[in-house]
Amino acid sequence: MTKTILRALAGERLPTPPVWMMRQAGRYLPEYRATRAQAGDFLSLCYNPELAAEVTLQPIRRYGFDAAILFADILLLPQALGVDLWFETGEGPRMSTVTTAAELAALRPDSAIHDTLAPVYETVRILSRALPAETTLIGFAGAPWTVATYMVAGRGTPDQGPAHALKTADRATFTGLIDRLTTATVEYLSAQVQAGAEVVKLFDSWAGSLQGDDFVEFAVEPARKITAELKSRHPGLPVIAFPRGAGERFAGLHKAIGADCIALDDGVTPEWAAAHVQSGGCVQGNLASHHMVTGGADLVRETRRVVEAFAGGPHIFNLGHGITPDADPENVQLMIDTLRGRV
């Protein structure tokens, strides 16, 4: 039988939605923390295929999710393009910046990224052999706009202000950076598919800060180009797009991007999304992540609400964003038991 997530992505309405969670391999799990300590630091974990595969498999063993998502980081691609990348403990990523035409021109060609990213592809190959037969393997990348916000600022920012400023002050350079990231992302994701990824997901975590025509130009269009090229190279490949913060702009994105599934954050209600987004195809989401911390009756009620709202069409159950490090693993099990009718 075809894997449940692939069936949902193909447009099938299932009596029980398949489930996985964004950041399901992560710090909320004690086994992840142990493996992270073994690796030494975050980047060493990302670039160690055996350990990266191990942390990807951990939530599958514990919970039996219907999909595993490759353990990596969206900033490995700019590092492969020649940007210096490091992580400050307790603070997050730091990068050398790309803010001028000269710095953009100095990036490595797309053909050169695979040497750096070869361990990621090996992780995919290990997972394609090690995962249970019923579990779908999802590859991923950051969307160009979101990755660009880090490359321009050299770090995460609360409002993506530096990227917006460069977009205003030197639109040609900023557009050139988006174009470079668009083509490199195609190469990166295509290599993941060749290594064994069955689905790919494009994370545009900061799409919501784009306004007006900029949302179309820098969020929708790059995603459309990436999706079209990947589907040309890999016919039948399902693509999930996640333009977080899109709000009412989620409506119509299946067609605008060409994606098989639109992942929803919890900024829209499941009832609204069922009426305005699910009509275009499969949707993914959108339980608020804080329920994995607080648990209890609210978690059970809201899980059932999401399932019921999307019961009329293809749906993959997920959170509205990634699970947080302070989540209780028991609440994850309660969520799964609830949606699978055990509670």
C-alpha atoms as a PDB file:
ATOM      1  CA  MET A   1       0.000   0.000   0.000  1.00  0.00           C
ATOM      2  CA  THR A   2       1.250   3.474  -0.823  1.00  0.00           C
ATOM      3  CA  LYS A   3       2.558   5.392   2.188  1.00  0.00           C
ATOM      4  CA  THR A   4      -0.107   7.472   3.905  1.00  0.00           C
ATOM      5  CA  ILE A   5       1.659  10.807   3.483  1.00  0.00           C
ATOM      6  CA  LEU A   6       2.160  10.185  -0.219  1.00  0.00           C
ATOM      7  CA  ARG A   7      -1.542   9.334  -0.497  1.00  0.00           C
ATOM      8  CA  ALA A   8      -2.524  12.586   1.203  1.00  0.00           C
ATOM      9  CA  LEU A   9      -0.117  14.554  -0.994  1.00  0.00           C
ATOM     10  CA  ALA A  10      -1.737  12.964  -4.035  1.00  0.00           C
ATOM     11  CA  GLY A  11      -5.077  14.407  -2.903  1.00  0.00           C
ATOM     12  CA  GLU A  12      -6.616  11.466  -1.059  1.00  0.00           C
ATOM     13  CA  ARG A  13      -8.815  12.087   1.971  1.00  0.00           C
ATOM     14  CA  LEU A  14      -7.880   9.578   4.656  1.00  0.00           C
ATOM     15  CA  PRO A  15     -10.015   8.594   7.658  1.00  0.00           C
ATOM     16  CA  THR A  16      -7.069   9.241   9.983  1.00  0.00           C
ATOM     17  CA  PRO A  17      -4.615  11.916   8.856  1.00  0.00           C
ATOM     18  CA  PRO A  18      -0.939  10.978   8.691  1.00  0.00           C
ATOM     19  CA  VAL A  19       1.213  12.871  11.170  1.00  0.00           C
ATOM     20  CA  TRP A  20       4.708  14.216  11.652  1.00  0.00           C
ATOM     21  CA  MET A  21       6.047  17.314  13.409  1.00  0.00           C
ATOM     22  CA  MET A  22       8.358  20.074  12.330  1.00  0.00           C
ATOM     23  CA  ARG A  23      11.594  19.836  14.364  1.00  0.00           C
ATOM     24  CA  GLN A  24      10.469  16.426  15.635  1.00  0.00           C
ATOM     25  CA  ALA A  25      14.146  15.490  16.008  1.00  0.00           C
ATOM     26  CA  GLY A  26      15.284  17.969  18.611  1.00  0.00           C
ATOM     27  CA  ARG A  27      16.128  19.131  22.082  1.00  0.00           C
ATOM     28  CA  TYR A  28      12.840  18.094  23.686  1.00  0.00           C
ATOM     29  CA  LEU A  29      13.989  14.450  23.387  1.00  0.00           C
ATOM     30  CA  PRO A  30      16.597  13.164  25.873  1.00  0.00           C
ATOM     31  CA  GLU A  31      17.992  10.794  23.259  1.00  0.00           C
ATOM     32  CA  TYR A  32      18.616  13.770  20.937  1.00  0.00           C
ATOM     33  CA  ARG A  33      20.470  15.646  23.659  1.00  0.00           C
ATOM     34  CA  ALA A  34      22.673  12.606  24.257  1.00  0.00           C
ATOM     35  CA  THR A  35      23.522  12.289  20.560  1.00  0.00           C
ATOM     36  CA  ARG A  36      24.138  16.040  20.269  1.00  0.00           C
ATOM     37  CA  ALA A  37      26.607  15.799  23.153  1.00  0.00           C
ATOM     38  CA  GLN A  38      28.321  12.905  21.392  1.00  0.00           C
ATOM     39  CA  ALA A  39      28.681  14.999  18.222  1.00  0.00           C
ATOM     40  CA  GLY A  40      30.247  17.882  20.124  1.00  0.00           C
ATOM     41  CA  ASP A  41      28.444  20.792  18.478  1.00  0.00           C
ATOM     42  CA  PHE A  42      25.484  21.461  16.212  1.00  0.00           C
ATOM     43  CA  LEU A  43      27.320  21.720  12.883  1.00  0.00           C
ATOM     44  CA  SER A  44      29.318  18.583  13.640  1.00  0.00           C
ATOM     45  CA  LEU A  45      26.014  16.808  14.184  1.00  0.00           C
ATOM     46  CA  CYS A  46      24.627  18.083  10.858  1.00  0.00           C
ATOM     47  CA  TYR A  47      27.707  16.929   8.958  1.00  0.00           C
ATOM     48  CA  ASN A  48      28.044  13.501  10.606  1.00  0.00           C
ATOM     49  CA  PRO A  49      25.829  11.227   8.470  1.00  0.00           C
ATOM     50  CA  GLU A  50      25.575   8.438  11.027  1.00  0.00           C
ATOM     51  CA  LEU A  51      24.639  10.738  13.897  1.00  0.00           C
ATOM     52  CA  ALA A  52      22.348  12.929  11.768  1.00  0.00           C
ATOM     53  CA  ALA A  53      20.541   9.790  10.631  1.00  0.00           C
ATOM     54  CA  GLU A  54      20.329   8.604  14.225  1.00  0.00           C
ATOM     55  CA  VAL A  55      18.591  11.763  15.469  1.00  0.00           C
ATOM     56  CA  THR A  56      16.260  11.655  12.455  1.00  0.00           C
ATOM     57  CA  LEU A  57      15.272   8.107  13.393  1.00  0.00           C
ATOM     58  CA  GLN A  58      14.795   8.767  17.115  1.00  0.00           C
ATOM     59  CA  PRO A  59      11.271  10.256  16.940  1.00  0.00           C
ATOM     60  CA  ILE A  60      10.245   7.544  14.474  1.00  0.00           C
ATOM     61  CA  ARG A  61      11.269   4.843  16.947  1.00  0.00           C
ATOM     62  CA  ARG A  62       9.610   6.607  19.862  1.00  0.00           C
ATOM     63  CA  TYR A  63       6.340   7.698  18.266  1.00  0.00           C
ATOM     64  CA  GLY A  64       5.871   5.965  14.927  1.00  0.00           C
ATOM     65  CA  PHE A  65       5.392   9.170  12.943  1.00  0.00           C
ATOM     66  CA  ASP A  66       4.311   8.678   9.339  1.00  0.00           C
ATOM     67  CA  ALA A  67       7.272  10.693   8.039  1.00  0.00           C
ATOM     68  CA  ALA A  68      10.855  11.438   8.961  1.00  0.00           C
ATOM     69  CA  ILE A  69      12.381  14.742   7.935  1.00  0.00           C
ATOM     70  CA  LEU A  70      16.086  14.915   7.234  1.00  0.00           C
ATOM     71  CA  PHE A  71      18.042  16.402  10.137  1.00  0.00           C
ATOM     72  CA  ALA A  72      20.025  19.343   8.792  1.00  0.00           C
ATOM     73  CA  ASP A  73      19.853  23.151   8.904  1.00  0.00           C
ATOM     74  CA  ILE A  74      18.683  25.709   6.362  1.00  0.00           C
ATOM     75  CA  LEU A  75      22.012  27.564   6.660  1.00  0.00           C
ATOM     76  CA  LEU A  76      24.125  24.688   5.363  1.00  0.00           C
ATOM     77  CA  LEU A  77      23.350  25.849   1.818  1.00  0.00           C
ATOM     78  CA  PRO A  78      24.811  29.366   2.220  1.00  0.00           C
ATOM     79  CA  GLN A  79      27.815  27.772   3.908  1.00  0.00           C
ATOM     80  CA  ALA A  80      28.212  25.566   0.836  1.00  0.00           C
ATOM     81  CA  LEU A  81      28.059  28.726  -1.278  1.00  0.00           C
ATOM     82  CA  GLY A  82      31.084  30.050   0.600  1.00  0.00           C
ATOM     83  CA  VAL A  83      29.624  31.981   3.530  1.00  0.00           C
ATOM     84  CA  ASP A  84      31.330  31.526   6.895  1.00  0.00           C
ATOM     85  CA  LEU A  85      28.908  29.927   9.379  1.00  0.00           C
ATOM     86  CA  TRP A  86      29.189  29.220  13.069  1.00  0.00           C
ATOM     87  CA  PHE A  87      26.830  28.842  16.028  1.00  0.00           C
ATOM     88  CA  GLU A  88      27.129  30.805  19.253  1.00  0.00           C
ATOM     89  CA  THR A  89      26.012  28.744  22.250  1.00  0.00           C
ATOM     90  CA  GLY A  90      22.682  29.993  23.538  1.00  0.00           C
ATOM     91  CA  GLU A  91      22.416  32.614  20.791  1.00  0.00           C
ATOM     92  CA  GLY A  92      22.113  30.802  17.480  1.00  0.00           C
ATOM     93  CA  PRO A  93      23.747  31.107  14.061  1.00  0.00           C
ATOM     94  CA  ARG A  94      26.281  33.694  13.012  1.00  0.00           C
ATOM     95  CA  MET A  95      27.405  34.221   9.403  1.00  0.00           C
ATOM     96  CA  SER A  96      29.606  36.390   7.264  1.00  0.00           C
ATOM     97  CA  THR A  97      27.327  38.718   5.337  1.00  0.00           C
ATOM     98  CA  VAL A  98      26.438  39.194   1.675  1.00  0.00           C
ATOM     99  CA  THR A  99      25.317  42.796   1.170  1.00  0.00           C
ATOM    100  CA  THR A 100      27.178  44.027  -1.920  1.00  0.00           C
ATOM    101  CA  ALA A 101      27.403  43.105  -5.588  1.00  0.00           C
ATOM    102  CA  ALA A 102      31.040  42.090  -5.047  1.00  0.00           C
ATOM    103  CA  GLU A 103      30.172  39.759  -2.180  1.00  0.00           C
ATOM    104  CA  LEU A 104      27.367  38.248  -4.246  1.00  0.00           C
ATOM    105  CA  ALA A 105      29.732  37.686  -7.171  1.00  0.00           C
ATOM    106  CA  ALA A 106      32.225  35.983  -4.845  1.00  0.00           C
ATOM    107  CA  LEU A 107      29.816  33.181  -3.926  1.00  0.00           C
ATOM    108  CA  ARG A 108      30.754  29.750  -5.222  1.00  0.00           C
ATOM    109  CA  PRO A 109      28.944  28.417  -8.308  1.00  0.00           C
ATOM    110  CA  ASP A 110      26.034  26.064  -7.790  1.00  0.00           C
ATOM    111  CA  SER A 111      28.099  23.162  -9.071  1.00  0.00           C
ATOM    112  CA  ALA A 112      30.503  23.563  -6.147  1.00  0.00           C
ATOM    113  CA  ILE A 113      27.984  23.157  -3.324  1.00  0.00           C
ATOM    114  CA  HIS A 114      27.865  19.369  -3.416  1.00  0.00           C
ATOM    115  CA  ASP A 115      31.348  18.868  -1.972  1.00  0.00           C
ATOM    116  CA  THR A 116      30.294  20.626   1.235  1.00  0.00           C
ATOM    117  CA  LEU A 117      26.838  19.058   1.280  1.00  0.00           C
ATOM    118  CA  ALA A 118      27.930  15.489   0.466  1.00  0.00           C
ATOM    119  CA  PRO A 119      27.472  14.378   4.118  1.00  0.00           C
ATOM    120  CA  VAL A 120      23.848  15.551   3.979  1.00  0.00           C
ATOM    121  CA  TYR A 121      23.216  13.402   0.931  1.00  0.00           C
ATOM    122  CA  GLU A 122      24.840  10.455   2.693  1.00  0.00           C
ATOM    123  CA  THR A 123      22.469  10.988   5.627  1.00  0.00           C
ATOM    124  CA  VAL A 124      19.568  10.735   3.179  1.00  0.00           C
ATOM    125  CA  ARG A 125      20.951   7.510   1.755  1.00  0.00           C
ATOM    126  CA  ILE A 126      21.321   5.995   5.232  1.00  0.00           C
ATOM    127  CA  LEU A 127      17.763   6.982   6.105  1.00  0.00           C
ATOM    128  CA  SER A 128      16.300   5.608   2.895  1.00  0.00           C
ATOM    129  CA  ARG A 129      17.677   2.221   3.918  1.00  0.00           C
ATOM    130  CA  ALA A 130      16.968   2.433   7.657  1.00  0.00           C
ATOM    131  CA  LEU A 131      13.439   3.837   7.846  1.00  0.00           C
ATOM    132  CA  PRO A 132      10.452   1.501   8.247  1.00  0.00           C
ATOM    133  CA  ALA A 133       8.801   0.644   4.937  1.00  0.00           C
ATOM    134  CA  GLU A 134       5.690   2.659   5.812  1.00  0.00           C
ATOM    135  CA  THR A 135       7.580   5.871   6.732  1.00  0.00           C
ATOM    136  CA  THR A 136       8.023   8.660   4.184  1.00  0.00           C
ATOM    137  CA  LEU A 137      11.396  10.441   3.970  1.00  0.00           C
ATOM    138  CA  ILE A 138      11.139  14.219   3.577  1.00  0.00           C
ATOM    139  CA  GLY A 139      14.020  16.362   2.371  1.00  0.00           C
ATOM    140  CA  PHE A 140      14.016  20.104   2.841  1.00  0.00           C
ATOM    141  CA  ALA A 141      15.628  23.472   2.309  1.00  0.00           C
ATOM    142  CA  GLY A 142      15.058  27.000   3.442  1.00  0.00           C
ATOM    143  CA  ALA A 143      13.252  29.201   0.942  1.00  0.00           C
ATOM    144  CA  PRO A 144      15.376  31.910  -0.716  1.00  0.00           C
ATOM    145  CA  TRP A 145      13.833  34.864   1.140  1.00  0.00           C
ATOM    146  CA  THR A 146      14.291  33.314   4.577  1.00  0.00           C
ATOM    147  CA  VAL A 147      17.852  32.181   3.865  1.00  0.00           C
ATOM    148  CA  ALA A 148      18.659  35.617   2.421  1.00  0.00           C
ATOM    149  CA  THR A 149      17.511  37.332   5.618  1.00  0.00           C
ATOM    150  CA  TYR A 150      20.252  35.493   7.507  1.00  0.00           C
ATOM    151  CA  MET A 151      22.864  36.073   4.819  1.00  0.00           C
ATOM    152  CA  VAL A 152      22.248  39.819   4.786  1.00  0.00           C
ATOM    153  CA  ALA A 153      22.092  40.266   8.560  1.00  0.00           C
ATOM    154  CA  GLY A 154      24.674  37.640   9.539  1.00  0.00           C
ATOM    155  CA  ARG A 155      22.230  36.302  12.113  1.00  0.00           C
ATOM    156  CA  GLY A 156      18.545  35.924  12.860  1.00  0.00           C
ATOM    157  CA  THR A 157      16.672  39.175  13.445  1.00  0.00           C
ATOM    158  CA  PRO A 158      13.240  39.884  14.944  1.00  0.00           C
ATOM    159  CA  ASP A 159      11.899  41.782  11.922  1.00  0.00           C
ATOM    160  CA  GLN A 160      14.259  40.834   9.056  1.00  0.00           C
ATOM    161  CA  GLY A 161      15.099  44.548   8.971  1.00  0.00           C
ATOM    162  CA  PRO A 162      18.536  44.308   7.315  1.00  0.00           C
ATOM    163  CA  ALA A 163      17.140  42.290   4.393  1.00  0.00           C
ATOM    164  CA  HIS A 164      14.262  44.731   3.935  1.00  0.00           C
ATOM    165  CA  ALA A 165      16.753  47.616   4.030  1.00  0.00           C
ATOM    166  CA  LEU A 166      18.990  46.070   1.368  1.00  0.00           C
ATOM    167  CA  LYS A 167      15.935  45.252  -0.734  1.00  0.00           C
ATOM    168  CA  THR A 168      15.067  48.971  -0.674  1.00  0.00           C
ATOM    169  CA  ALA A 169      18.564  50.415  -1.030  1.00  0.00           C
ATOM    170  CA  ASP A 170      20.043  48.040  -3.626  1.00  0.00           C
ATOM    171  CA  ARG A 171      17.251  46.007  -5.167  1.00  0.00           C
ATOM    172  CA  ALA A 172      19.473  44.682  -7.955  1.00  0.00           C
ATOM    173  CA  THR A 173      21.910  43.072  -5.531  1.00  0.00           C
ATOM    174  CA  PHE A 174      19.111  41.739  -3.352  1.00  0.00           C
ATOM    175  CA  THR A 175      17.269  40.305  -6.348  1.00  0.00           C
ATOM    176  CA  GLY A 176      20.525  38.747  -7.506  1.00  0.00           C
ATOM    177  CA  LEU A 177      20.938  37.076  -4.132  1.00  0.00           C
ATOM    178  CA  ILE A 178      17.403  35.659  -4.312  1.00  0.00           C
ATOM    179  CA  ASP A 179      18.099  34.375  -7.824  1.00  0.00           C
ATOM    180  CA  ARG A 180      21.339  32.690  -6.725  1.00  0.00           C
ATOM    181  CA  LEU A 181      19.598  31.043  -3.811  1.00  0.00           C
ATOM    182  CA  THR A 182      16.747  29.907  -6.054  1.00  0.00           C
ATOM    183  CA  THR A 183      19.036  28.059  -8.461  1.00  0.00           C
ATOM    184  CA  ALA A 184      21.240  26.650  -5.679  1.00  0.00           C
ATOM    185  CA  THR A 185      18.189  25.402  -3.786  1.00  0.00           C
ATOM    186  CA  VAL A 186      17.068  23.475  -6.849  1.00  0.00           C
ATOM    187  CA  GLU A 187      20.459  21.771  -7.037  1.00  0.00           C
ATOM    188  CA  TYR A 188      20.456  21.015  -3.309  1.00  0.00           C
ATOM    189  CA  LEU A 189      16.960  19.548  -3.222  1.00  0.00           C
ATOM    190  CA  SER A 190      17.458  17.643  -6.457  1.00  0.00           C
ATOM    191  CA  ALA A 191      20.516  15.974  -4.940  1.00  0.00           C
ATOM    192  CA  GLN A 192      18.473  15.037  -1.874  1.00  0.00           C
ATOM    193  CA  VAL A 193      15.868  13.422  -4.125  1.00  0.00           C
ATOM    194  CA  GLN A 194      18.557  11.527  -6.017  1.00  0.00           C
ATOM    195  CA  ALA A 195      19.835  10.250  -2.663  1.00  0.00           C
ATOM    196  CA  GLY A 196      16.394   8.958  -1.643  1.00  0.00           C
ATOM    197  CA  ALA A 197      14.129  11.784  -0.404  1.00  0.00           C
ATOM    198  CA  GLU A 198      10.528  11.030  -1.438  1.00  0.00           C
ATOM    199  CA  VAL A 199       9.066  14.480  -0.703  1.00  0.00           C
ATOM    200  CA  VAL A 200      10.678  17.895  -0.328  1.00  0.00           C
ATOM    201  CA  LYS A 201       9.582  20.807   1.806  1.00  0.00           C
ATOM    202  CA  LEU A 202      10.461  24.466   1.366  1.00  0.00           C
ATOM    203  CA  PHE A 203      10.547  26.403   4.641  1.00  0.00           C
ATOM    204  CA  ASP A 204       9.911  30.130   4.272  1.00  0.00           C
ATOM    205  CA  SER A 205       9.854  30.961   7.955  1.00  0.00           C
ATOM    206  CA  TRP A 206       9.913  34.736   7.457  1.00  0.00           C
ATOM    207  CA  ALA A 207       7.581  35.032   4.451  1.00  0.00           C
ATOM    208  CA  GLY A 208       5.041  36.875   6.580  1.00  0.00           C
ATOM    209  CA  SER A 209       7.239  39.975   6.843  1.00  0.00           C
ATOM    210  CA  LEU A 210       7.001  40.553   3.075  1.00  0.00           C
ATOM    211  CA  GLN A 211       4.270  42.967   2.073  1.00  0.00           C
ATOM    212  CA  GLY A 212       2.413  43.687  -1.143  1.00  0.00           C
ATOM    213  CA  ASP A 213       4.151  42.821  -4.391  1.00  0.00           C
ATOM    214  CA  ASP A 214       7.291  41.817  -2.486  1.00  0.00           C
ATOM    215  CA  PHE A 215       5.447  38.758  -1.147  1.00  0.00           C
ATOM    216  CA  VAL A 216       4.814  37.628  -4.706  1.00  0.00           C
ATOM    217  CA  GLU A 217       8.273  38.518  -6.011  1.00  0.00           C
ATOM    218  CA  PHE A 218      10.389  37.151  -3.164  1.00  0.00           C
ATOM    219  CA  ALA A 219       8.247  34.406  -1.589  1.00  0.00           C
ATOM    220  CA  VAL A 220       5.824  33.062  -4.190  1.00  0.00           C
ATOM    221  CA  GLU A 221       7.936  33.340  -7.356  1.00  0.00           C
ATOM    222  CA  PRO A 222      11.100  31.659  -6.020  1.00  0.00           C
ATOM    223  CA  ALA A 223       8.983  28.833  -4.596  1.00  0.00           C
ATOM    224  CA  ARG A 224       7.203  28.485  -7.939  1.00  0.00           C
ATOM    225  CA  LYS A 225      10.482  28.341  -9.862  1.00  0.00           C
ATOM    226  CA  ILE A 226      12.002  25.805  -7.483  1.00  0.00           C
ATOM    227  CA  THR A 227       8.890  23.624  -7.558  1.00  0.00           C
ATOM    228  CA  ALA A 228       8.576  23.731 -11.348  1.00  0.00           C
ATOM    229  CA  GLU A 229      12.225  22.832 -11.931  1.00  0.00           C
ATOM    230  CA  LEU A 230      12.195  20.011  -9.380  1.00  0.00           C
ATOM    231  CA  LYS A 231       9.046  18.535 -10.884  1.00  0.00           C
ATOM    232  CA  SER A 232      10.600  18.793 -14.334  1.00  0.00           C
ATOM    233  CA  ARG A 233      13.669  16.859 -13.171  1.00  0.00           C
ATOM    234  CA  HIS A 234      11.771  14.428 -10.940  1.00  0.00           C
ATOM    235  CA  PRO A 235       8.277  13.794 -12.357  1.00  0.00           C
ATOM    236  CA  GLY A 236       5.774  12.966  -9.647  1.00  0.00           C
ATOM    237  CA  LEU A 237       7.851  14.481  -6.838  1.00  0.00           C
ATOM    238  CA  PRO A 238       5.526  15.937  -4.153  1.00  0.00           C
ATOM    239  CA  VAL A 239       6.446  19.402  -2.875  1.00  0.00           C
ATOM    240  CA  ILE A 240       5.264  21.004   0.386  1.00  0.00           C
ATOM    241  CA  ALA A 241       5.527  24.799   0.669  1.00  0.00           C
ATOM    242  CA  PHE A 242       5.479  26.602   4.022  1.00  0.00           C
ATOM    243  CA  PRO A 243       5.227  30.394   3.680  1.00  0.00           C
ATOM    244  CA  ARG A 244       4.853  31.036   7.390  1.00  0.00           C
ATOM    245  CA  GLY A 245       2.876  34.122   8.326  1.00  0.00           C
ATOM    246  CA  ALA A 246       1.059  34.381   5.010  1.00  0.00           C
ATOM    247  CA  GLY A 247      -2.314  34.855   6.710  1.00  0.00           C
ATOM    248  CA  GLU A 248      -5.122  35.288   4.193  1.00  0.00           C
ATOM    249  CA  ARG A 249      -2.504  35.041   1.436  1.00  0.00           C
ATOM    250  CA  PHE A 250      -2.414  31.266   2.033  1.00  0.00           C
ATOM    251  CA  ALA A 251      -5.529  31.138  -0.164  1.00  0.00           C
ATOM    252  CA  GLY A 252      -4.607  30.313  -3.750  1.00  0.00           C
ATOM    253  CA  LEU A 253      -1.006  29.316  -3.046  1.00  0.00           C
ATOM    254  CA  HIS A 254      -1.370  25.733  -4.292  1.00  0.00           C
ATOM    255  CA  LYS A 255      -1.929  27.107  -7.781  1.00  0.00           C
ATOM    256  CA  ALA A 256       0.439  30.069  -7.520  1.00  0.00           C
ATOM    257  CA  ILE A 257       3.386  27.930  -6.372  1.00  0.00           C
ATOM    258  CA  GLY A 258       2.465  24.615  -7.964  1.00  0.00           C
ATOM    259  CA  ALA A 259       2.935  22.847  -4.642  1.00  0.00           C
ATOM    260  CA  ASP A 260       1.107  19.632  -3.768  1.00  0.00           C
ATOM    261  CA  CYS A 261       0.613  20.774  -0.194  1.00  0.00           C
ATOM    262  CA  ILE A 262       0.539  24.075   1.652  1.00  0.00           C
ATOM    263  CA  ALA A 263       1.738  23.902   5.257  1.00  0.00           C
ATOM    264  CA  LEU A 264      -0.156  26.226   7.553  1.00  0.00           C
ATOM    265  CA  ASP A 265       0.967  28.054  10.660  1.00  0.00           C
ATOM    266  CA  ASP A 266      -1.440  28.589  13.546  1.00  0.00           C
ATOM    267  CA  GLY A 267      -2.053  32.221  12.613  1.00  0.00           C
ATOM    268  CA  VAL A 268      -5.091  31.050  10.670  1.00  0.00           C
ATOM    269  CA  THR A 269      -7.870  28.897  12.076  1.00  0.00           C
ATOM    270  CA  PRO A 270      -8.283  25.383  10.738  1.00  0.00           C
ATOM    271  CA  GLU A 271     -11.886  26.218   9.867  1.00  0.00           C
ATOM    272  CA  TRP A 272     -10.834  29.197   7.736  1.00  0.00           C
ATOM    273  CA  ALA A 273      -8.069  27.198   6.089  1.00  0.00           C
ATOM    274  CA  ALA A 274     -10.397  24.297   5.312  1.00  0.00           C
ATOM    275  CA  ALA A 275     -12.711  26.704   3.499  1.00  0.00           C
ATOM    276  CA  HIS A 276     -10.111  28.823   1.704  1.00  0.00           C
ATOM    277  CA  VAL A 277      -6.919  26.763   1.293  1.00  0.00           C
ATOM    278  CA  GLN A 278      -7.796  23.058   1.370  1.00  0.00           C
ATOM    279  CA  SER A 279      -9.980  23.527  -1.697  1.00  0.00           C
ATOM    280  CA  GLY A 280      -6.699  23.846  -3.624  1.00  0.00           C
ATOM    281  CA  GLY A 281      -5.240  20.565  -2.421  1.00  0.00           C
ATOM    282  CA  CYS A 282      -3.574  18.927   0.557  1.00  0.00           C
ATOM    283  CA  VAL A 283      -2.909  21.055   3.621  1.00  0.00           C
ATOM    284  CA  GLN A 284      -0.548  20.423   6.505  1.00  0.00           C
ATOM    285  CA  GLY A 285      -0.963  21.667  10.053  1.00  0.00           C
ATOM    286  CA  ASN A 286      -1.812  23.427  12.191  1.00  0.00           C
ATOM    287  CA  LEU A 287      -1.941  22.718  15.931  1.00  0.00           C
ATOM    288  CA  ALA A 288      -0.297  25.486  17.990  1.00  0.00           C
ATOM    289  CA  SER A 289       3.119  24.370  19.232  1.00  0.00           C
ATOM    290  CA  HIS A 290       2.468  25.509  22.809  1.00  0.00           C
ATOM    291  CA  HIS A 291       0.110  22.555  23.288  1.00  0.00           C
ATOM    292  CA  MET A 292       3.184  20.314  23.286  1.00  0.00           C
ATOM    293  CA  VAL A 293       4.267  22.184  26.423  1.00  0.00           C
ATOM    294  CA  THR A 294       0.950  22.601  28.233  1.00  0.00           C
ATOM    295  CA  GLY A 295      -0.786  19.336  27.278  1.00  0.00           C
ATOM    296  CA  GLY A 296      -3.937  18.312  29.076  1.00  0.00           C
ATOM    297  CA  ALA A 297      -7.532  18.651  27.972  1.00  0.00           C
ATOM    298  CA  ASP A 298      -6.748  21.661  25.780  1.00  0.00           C
ATOM    299  CA  LEU A 299      -4.326  19.569  23.733  1.00  0.00           C
ATOM    300  CA  VAL A 300      -6.905  16.818  23.247  1.00  0.00           C
ATOM    301  CA  ARG A 301      -9.652  19.280  22.323  1.00  0.00           C
ATOM    302  CA  GLU A 302      -7.556  21.289  19.880  1.00  0.00           C
ATOM    303  CA  THR A 303      -6.108  18.177  18.236  1.00  0.00           C
ATOM    304  CA  ARG A 304      -9.632  16.920  17.610  1.00  0.00           C
ATOM    305  CA  ARG A 305     -10.650  20.356  16.341  1.00  0.00           C
ATOM    306  CA  VAL A 306      -7.873  20.367  13.726  1.00  0.00           C
ATOM    307  CA  VAL A 307      -8.667  16.825  12.611  1.00  0.00           C
ATOM    308  CA  GLU A 308     -12.380  17.562  12.320  1.00  0.00           C
ATOM    309  CA  ALA A 309     -11.896  20.860  10.491  1.00  0.00           C
ATOM    310  CA  PHE A 310      -9.796  19.244   7.769  1.00  0.00           C
ATOM    311  CA  ALA A 311     -11.707  15.949   7.609  1.00  0.00           C
ATOM    312  CA  GLY A 312     -13.336  16.850   4.303  1.00  0.00           C
ATOM    313  CA  GLY A 313     -10.150  16.754   2.244  1.00  0.00           C
ATOM    314  CA  PRO A 314      -6.489  15.714   2.103  1.00  0.00           C
ATOM    315  CA  HIS A 315      -4.674  16.614   5.313  1.00  0.00           C
ATOM    316  CA  ILE A 316      -1.337  15.927   6.991  1.00  0.00           C
ATOM    317  CA  PHE A 317      -1.460  16.601  10.732  1.00  0.00           C
ATOM    318  CA  ASN A 318       1.369  18.760  12.030  1.00  0.00           C
ATOM    319  CA  LEU A 319       2.073  21.728  14.243  1.00  0.00           C
ATOM    320  CA  GLY A 320       1.809  25.320  13.099  1.00  0.00           C
ATOM    321  CA  HIS A 321       5.561  25.665  13.617  1.00  0.00           C
ATOM    322  CA  GLY A 322       8.371  23.590  15.066  1.00  0.00           C
ATOM    323  CA  ILE A 323       8.117  21.799  18.388  1.00  0.00           C
ATOM    324  CA  THR A 324       9.966  23.770  21.062  1.00  0.00           C
ATOM    325  CA  PRO A 325      12.771  22.509  23.337  1.00  0.00           C
ATOM    326  CA  ASP A 326      10.554  22.851  26.436  1.00  0.00           C
ATOM    327  CA  ALA A 327       7.920  20.460  25.068  1.00  0.00           C
ATOM    328  CA  ASP A 328       6.999  17.397  27.104  1.00  0.00           C
ATOM    329  CA  PRO A 329       7.528  14.158  25.136  1.00  0.00           C
ATOM    330  CA  GLU A 330       4.434  12.727  26.840  1.00  0.00           C
ATOM    331  CA  ASN A 331       2.307  15.455  25.264  1.00  0.00           C
ATOM    332  CA  VAL A 332       3.506  14.399  21.825  1.00  0.00           C
ATOM    333  CA  GLN A 333       2.287  10.885  22.561  1.00  0.00           C
ATOM    334  CA  LEU A 334      -1.033  12.261  23.786  1.00  0.00           C
ATOM    335  CA  MET A 335      -1.442  14.192  20.531  1.00  0.00           C
ATOM    336  CA  ILE A 336      -0.759  11.072  18.455  1.00  0.00           C
ATOM    337  CA  ASP A 337      -3.070   8.915  20.577  1.00  0.00           C
ATOM    338  CA  THR A 338      -5.810  11.528  20.234  1.00  0.00           C
ATOM    339  CA  LEU A 339      -5.702  11.849  16.471  1.00  0.00           C
ATOM    340  CA  ARG A 340      -5.432   8.073  16.049  1.00  0.00           C
ATOM    341  CA  GLY A 341      -8.546   7.564  18.197  1.00  0.00           C
ATOM    342  CA  ARG A 342      -6.891   6.021  21.240  1.00  0.00           C
ATOM    343  CA  VAL A 343      -8.090   8.778  23.607  1.00  0.00           C
END
